[in-house]
Amino acid sequence: MAAVTIRNLSEEAHRALKVRAAQHNRSVEAEMCAILEAAGRPEGRLRLGTALSEMSRKIGLTNADVEALENGRDARPAEPMRFE
């Protein structure tokens, strides 16, 4: 797990963190971790895999459809472009 050092935090901000931590029955360190987790990984963020899966379900795409697409594609490597 990573460690973070916060320098030059004002006394007012530190006191506010202590109050907030007490309101949530946490230590100041646990409160700061919760704040940073919420800021860095918001609940409403777009999760690409989940979004693609939901879209596939909505249009009725099945594993058989995906396999058919994979079998029908040209598996040869692409030829490089020539500028002659």
N, C-alpha and C. Protein backbone atom coordinates (compact mmCIF):
# COMPACT_ATOMS: atom_id res chain seq x y z
N MET A 1 0.85 -1.17 0.00
CA MET A 1 0.00 0.00 0.00
C MET A 1 0.89 1.23 0.00
N ALA A 2 0.48 2.24 -0.74
CA ALA A 2 1.26 3.47 -0.86
C ALA A 2 1.12 4.34 0.37
N ALA A 3 2.14 5.13 0.62
CA ALA A 3 2.12 6.10 1.72
C ALA A 3 2.19 7.50 1.12
N VAL A 4 1.48 8.44 1.73
CA VAL A 4 1.44 9.81 1.23
C VAL A 4 1.77 10.74 2.39
N THR A 5 2.59 11.74 2.12
CA THR A 5 2.89 12.77 3.10
C THR A 5 2.29 14.08 2.62
N ILE A 6 1.58 14.75 3.49
CA ILE A 6 0.98 16.04 3.14
C ILE A 6 1.71 17.11 3.95
N ARG A 7 2.37 18.00 3.23
CA ARG A 7 3.11 19.07 3.89
C ARG A 7 2.31 20.37 3.82
N ASN A 8 2.59 21.22 4.77
CA ASN A 8 2.03 22.58 4.81
C ASN A 8 0.51 22.61 4.87
N LEU A 9 -0.09 21.65 5.53
CA LEU A 9 -1.54 21.65 5.74
C LEU A 9 -1.84 22.66 6.84
N SER A 10 -2.77 23.54 6.58
CA SER A 10 -3.08 24.58 7.58
C SER A 10 -3.69 23.95 8.83
N GLU A 11 -3.54 24.65 9.93
CA GLU A 11 -4.12 24.18 11.20
C GLU A 11 -5.64 24.10 11.09
N GLU A 12 -6.23 25.04 10.36
CA GLU A 12 -7.68 25.05 10.19
C GLU A 12 -8.15 23.81 9.45
N ALA A 13 -7.43 23.45 8.39
CA ALA A 13 -7.80 22.26 7.63
C ALA A 13 -7.62 21.00 8.47
N HIS A 14 -6.56 20.96 9.27
CA HIS A 14 -6.32 19.80 10.13
C HIS A 14 -7.42 19.66 11.19
N ARG A 15 -7.80 20.79 11.77
CA ARG A 15 -8.90 20.75 12.76
C ARG A 15 -10.20 20.29 12.10
N ALA A 16 -10.48 20.79 10.89
CA ALA A 16 -11.70 20.38 10.18
C ALA A 16 -11.67 18.89 9.88
N LEU A 17 -10.49 18.38 9.52
CA LEU A 17 -10.38 16.93 9.27
C LEU A 17 -10.63 16.13 10.55
N LYS A 18 -10.13 16.63 11.68
CA LYS A 18 -10.36 15.95 12.96
C LYS A 18 -11.85 15.89 13.28
N VAL A 19 -12.55 17.01 13.04
CA VAL A 19 -13.99 17.05 13.31
C VAL A 19 -14.72 16.09 12.38
N ARG A 20 -14.38 16.14 11.11
CA ARG A 20 -15.03 15.26 10.13
C ARG A 20 -14.77 13.79 10.45
N ALA A 21 -13.54 13.48 10.84
CA ALA A 21 -13.20 12.10 11.20
C ALA A 21 -14.01 11.65 12.41
N ALA A 22 -14.14 12.52 13.39
CA ALA A 22 -14.92 12.18 14.58
C ALA A 22 -16.38 11.94 14.22
N GLN A 23 -16.92 12.73 13.29
CA GLN A 23 -18.31 12.56 12.87
C GLN A 23 -18.53 11.20 12.20
N HIS A 24 -17.48 10.68 11.55
CA HIS A 24 -17.59 9.40 10.86
C HIS A 24 -16.99 8.24 11.68
N ASN A 25 -16.65 8.53 12.94
CA ASN A 25 -16.05 7.52 13.83
C ASN A 25 -14.80 6.89 13.23
N ARG A 26 -13.93 7.74 12.67
CA ARG A 26 -12.69 7.27 12.06
C ARG A 26 -11.52 8.09 12.60
N SER A 27 -10.34 7.57 12.37
CA SER A 27 -9.13 8.35 12.66
C SER A 27 -8.97 9.38 11.56
N VAL A 28 -8.12 10.38 11.81
CA VAL A 28 -7.86 11.39 10.80
C VAL A 28 -7.24 10.73 9.57
N GLU A 29 -6.34 9.79 9.78
CA GLU A 29 -5.73 9.08 8.65
C GLU A 29 -6.77 8.32 7.84
N ALA A 30 -7.68 7.62 8.50
CA ALA A 30 -8.73 6.88 7.80
C ALA A 30 -9.66 7.83 7.06
N GLU A 31 -9.92 8.99 7.65
CA GLU A 31 -10.78 9.98 6.99
C GLU A 31 -10.12 10.51 5.73
N MET A 32 -8.81 10.81 5.81
CA MET A 32 -8.10 11.28 4.62
C MET A 32 -8.07 10.22 3.54
N CYS A 33 -7.90 8.97 3.92
CA CYS A 33 -7.93 7.87 2.93
C CYS A 33 -9.29 7.81 2.25
N ALA A 34 -10.36 7.94 3.03
CA ALA A 34 -11.71 7.89 2.47
C ALA A 34 -11.94 9.05 1.50
N ILE A 35 -11.46 10.24 1.86
CA ILE A 35 -11.62 11.42 1.00
C ILE A 35 -10.86 11.21 -0.30
N LEU A 36 -9.62 10.73 -0.22
CA LEU A 36 -8.81 10.52 -1.42
C LEU A 36 -9.38 9.42 -2.30
N GLU A 37 -9.87 8.34 -1.70
CA GLU A 37 -10.50 7.25 -2.47
C GLU A 37 -11.71 7.78 -3.22
N ALA A 38 -12.55 8.56 -2.55
CA ALA A 38 -13.76 9.10 -3.18
C ALA A 38 -13.40 10.05 -4.31
N ALA A 39 -12.34 10.83 -4.14
CA ALA A 39 -11.94 11.78 -5.18
C ALA A 39 -11.29 11.07 -6.36
N GLY A 40 -10.49 10.07 -6.07
CA GLY A 40 -9.76 9.37 -7.12
C GLY A 40 -10.57 8.32 -7.85
N ARG A 41 -11.58 7.78 -7.21
CA ARG A 41 -12.41 6.74 -7.82
C ARG A 41 -13.88 7.02 -7.57
N PRO A 42 -14.43 8.05 -8.23
CA PRO A 42 -15.83 8.40 -7.99
C PRO A 42 -16.78 7.29 -8.42
N GLU A 43 -17.91 7.21 -7.73
CA GLU A 43 -18.89 6.15 -8.03
C GLU A 43 -19.48 6.27 -9.42
N GLY A 44 -19.65 7.48 -9.92
CA GLY A 44 -20.29 7.68 -11.21
C GLY A 44 -19.36 7.60 -12.40
N ARG A 45 -18.15 7.11 -12.20
CA ARG A 45 -17.20 7.09 -13.33
C ARG A 45 -17.62 6.06 -14.37
N LEU A 46 -17.22 6.31 -15.59
CA LEU A 46 -17.54 5.40 -16.68
C LEU A 46 -16.63 4.19 -16.61
N ARG A 47 -17.22 3.03 -16.55
CA ARG A 47 -16.45 1.79 -16.56
C ARG A 47 -16.67 1.16 -17.92
N LEU A 48 -15.65 1.21 -18.75
CA LEU A 48 -15.77 0.85 -20.16
C LEU A 48 -16.26 -0.58 -20.35
N GLY A 49 -15.69 -1.54 -19.63
CA GLY A 49 -16.10 -2.93 -19.78
C GLY A 49 -17.57 -3.13 -19.43
N THR A 50 -18.00 -2.51 -18.36
CA THR A 50 -19.40 -2.60 -17.94
C THR A 50 -20.32 -1.97 -18.98
N ALA A 51 -19.91 -0.80 -19.51
CA ALA A 51 -20.72 -0.11 -20.51
C ALA A 51 -20.86 -0.95 -21.78
N LEU A 52 -19.76 -1.55 -22.23
CA LEU A 52 -19.82 -2.38 -23.44
C LEU A 52 -20.68 -3.62 -23.22
N SER A 53 -20.56 -4.22 -22.05
CA SER A 53 -21.36 -5.39 -21.73
C SER A 53 -22.86 -5.06 -21.73
N GLU A 54 -23.22 -3.92 -21.13
CA GLU A 54 -24.62 -3.51 -21.10
C GLU A 54 -25.15 -3.23 -22.50
N MET A 55 -24.33 -2.57 -23.33
CA MET A 55 -24.75 -2.28 -24.70
C MET A 55 -24.99 -3.58 -25.47
N SER A 56 -24.09 -4.55 -25.29
CA SER A 56 -24.23 -5.84 -25.97
C SER A 56 -25.51 -6.55 -25.56
N ARG A 57 -25.82 -6.51 -24.27
CA ARG A 57 -27.05 -7.14 -23.79
C ARG A 57 -28.28 -6.46 -24.36
N LYS A 58 -28.25 -5.13 -24.45
CA LYS A 58 -29.41 -4.38 -24.96
C LYS A 58 -29.72 -4.73 -26.40
N ILE A 59 -28.68 -4.93 -27.22
CA ILE A 59 -28.93 -5.24 -28.63
C ILE A 59 -29.04 -6.74 -28.88
N GLY A 60 -28.87 -7.54 -27.82
CA GLY A 60 -29.06 -8.99 -27.96
C GLY A 60 -27.85 -9.74 -28.48
N LEU A 61 -26.66 -9.17 -28.38
CA LEU A 61 -25.44 -9.83 -28.84
C LEU A 61 -25.12 -11.01 -27.94
N THR A 62 -24.83 -12.15 -28.54
CA THR A 62 -24.51 -13.36 -27.77
C THR A 62 -23.07 -13.78 -28.02
N ASN A 63 -22.60 -14.74 -27.26
CA ASN A 63 -21.25 -15.28 -27.46
C ASN A 63 -21.12 -15.88 -28.85
N ALA A 64 -22.18 -16.49 -29.35
CA ALA A 64 -22.14 -17.08 -30.69
C ALA A 64 -21.93 -15.98 -31.74
N ASP A 65 -22.55 -14.83 -31.54
CA ASP A 65 -22.36 -13.71 -32.46
C ASP A 65 -20.90 -13.24 -32.46
N VAL A 66 -20.32 -13.15 -31.29
CA VAL A 66 -18.92 -12.72 -31.18
C VAL A 66 -18.01 -13.73 -31.85
N GLU A 67 -18.27 -15.01 -31.62
CA GLU A 67 -17.46 -16.06 -32.26
C GLU A 67 -17.58 -15.99 -33.78
N ALA A 68 -18.77 -15.74 -34.29
CA ALA A 68 -18.97 -15.64 -35.74
C ALA A 68 -18.18 -14.46 -36.30
N LEU A 69 -18.16 -13.34 -35.58
CA LEU A 69 -17.38 -12.18 -36.01
C LEU A 69 -15.89 -12.49 -36.03
N GLU A 70 -15.42 -13.19 -35.00
CA GLU A 70 -14.00 -13.54 -34.93
C GLU A 70 -13.62 -14.51 -36.03
N ASN A 71 -14.48 -15.47 -36.33
CA ASN A 71 -14.19 -16.45 -37.37
C ASN A 71 -14.25 -15.85 -38.77
N GLY A 72 -15.04 -14.80 -38.95
CA GLY A 72 -15.20 -14.20 -40.26
C GLY A 72 -14.16 -13.14 -40.60
N ARG A 73 -13.37 -12.74 -39.65
CA ARG A 73 -12.40 -11.68 -39.94
C ARG A 73 -11.14 -12.24 -40.58
N ASP A 74 -10.46 -11.41 -41.30
CA ASP A 74 -9.21 -11.79 -41.96
C ASP A 74 -8.10 -11.79 -40.90
N ALA A 75 -7.50 -12.95 -40.65
CA ALA A 75 -6.50 -13.08 -39.60
C ALA A 75 -5.09 -12.77 -40.10
N ARG A 76 -4.95 -12.51 -41.40
CA ARG A 76 -3.61 -12.21 -41.93
C ARG A 76 -3.14 -10.85 -41.42
N PRO A 77 -1.83 -10.72 -41.18
CA PRO A 77 -1.33 -9.41 -40.76
C PRO A 77 -1.51 -8.38 -41.87
N ALA A 78 -1.69 -7.16 -41.49
CA ALA A 78 -1.88 -6.09 -42.47
C ALA A 78 -0.57 -5.82 -43.21
N GLU A 79 -0.72 -5.47 -44.46
CA GLU A 79 0.45 -5.11 -45.27
C GLU A 79 0.81 -3.66 -44.97
N PRO A 80 2.09 -3.36 -44.84
CA PRO A 80 2.45 -1.96 -44.59
C PRO A 80 2.17 -1.09 -45.80
N MET A 81 1.89 0.17 -45.56
CA MET A 81 1.63 1.10 -46.66
C MET A 81 2.91 1.39 -47.41
N ARG A 82 2.77 1.63 -48.70
CA ARG A 82 3.93 1.97 -49.54
C ARG A 82 3.70 3.36 -50.12
N PHE A 83 4.73 4.17 -50.05
CA PHE A 83 4.64 5.54 -50.54
C PHE A 83 5.58 5.73 -51.73
N GLU A 84 5.38 4.96 -52.78
CA GLU A 84 6.24 5.04 -53.95
C GLU A 84 5.52 5.64 -55.11
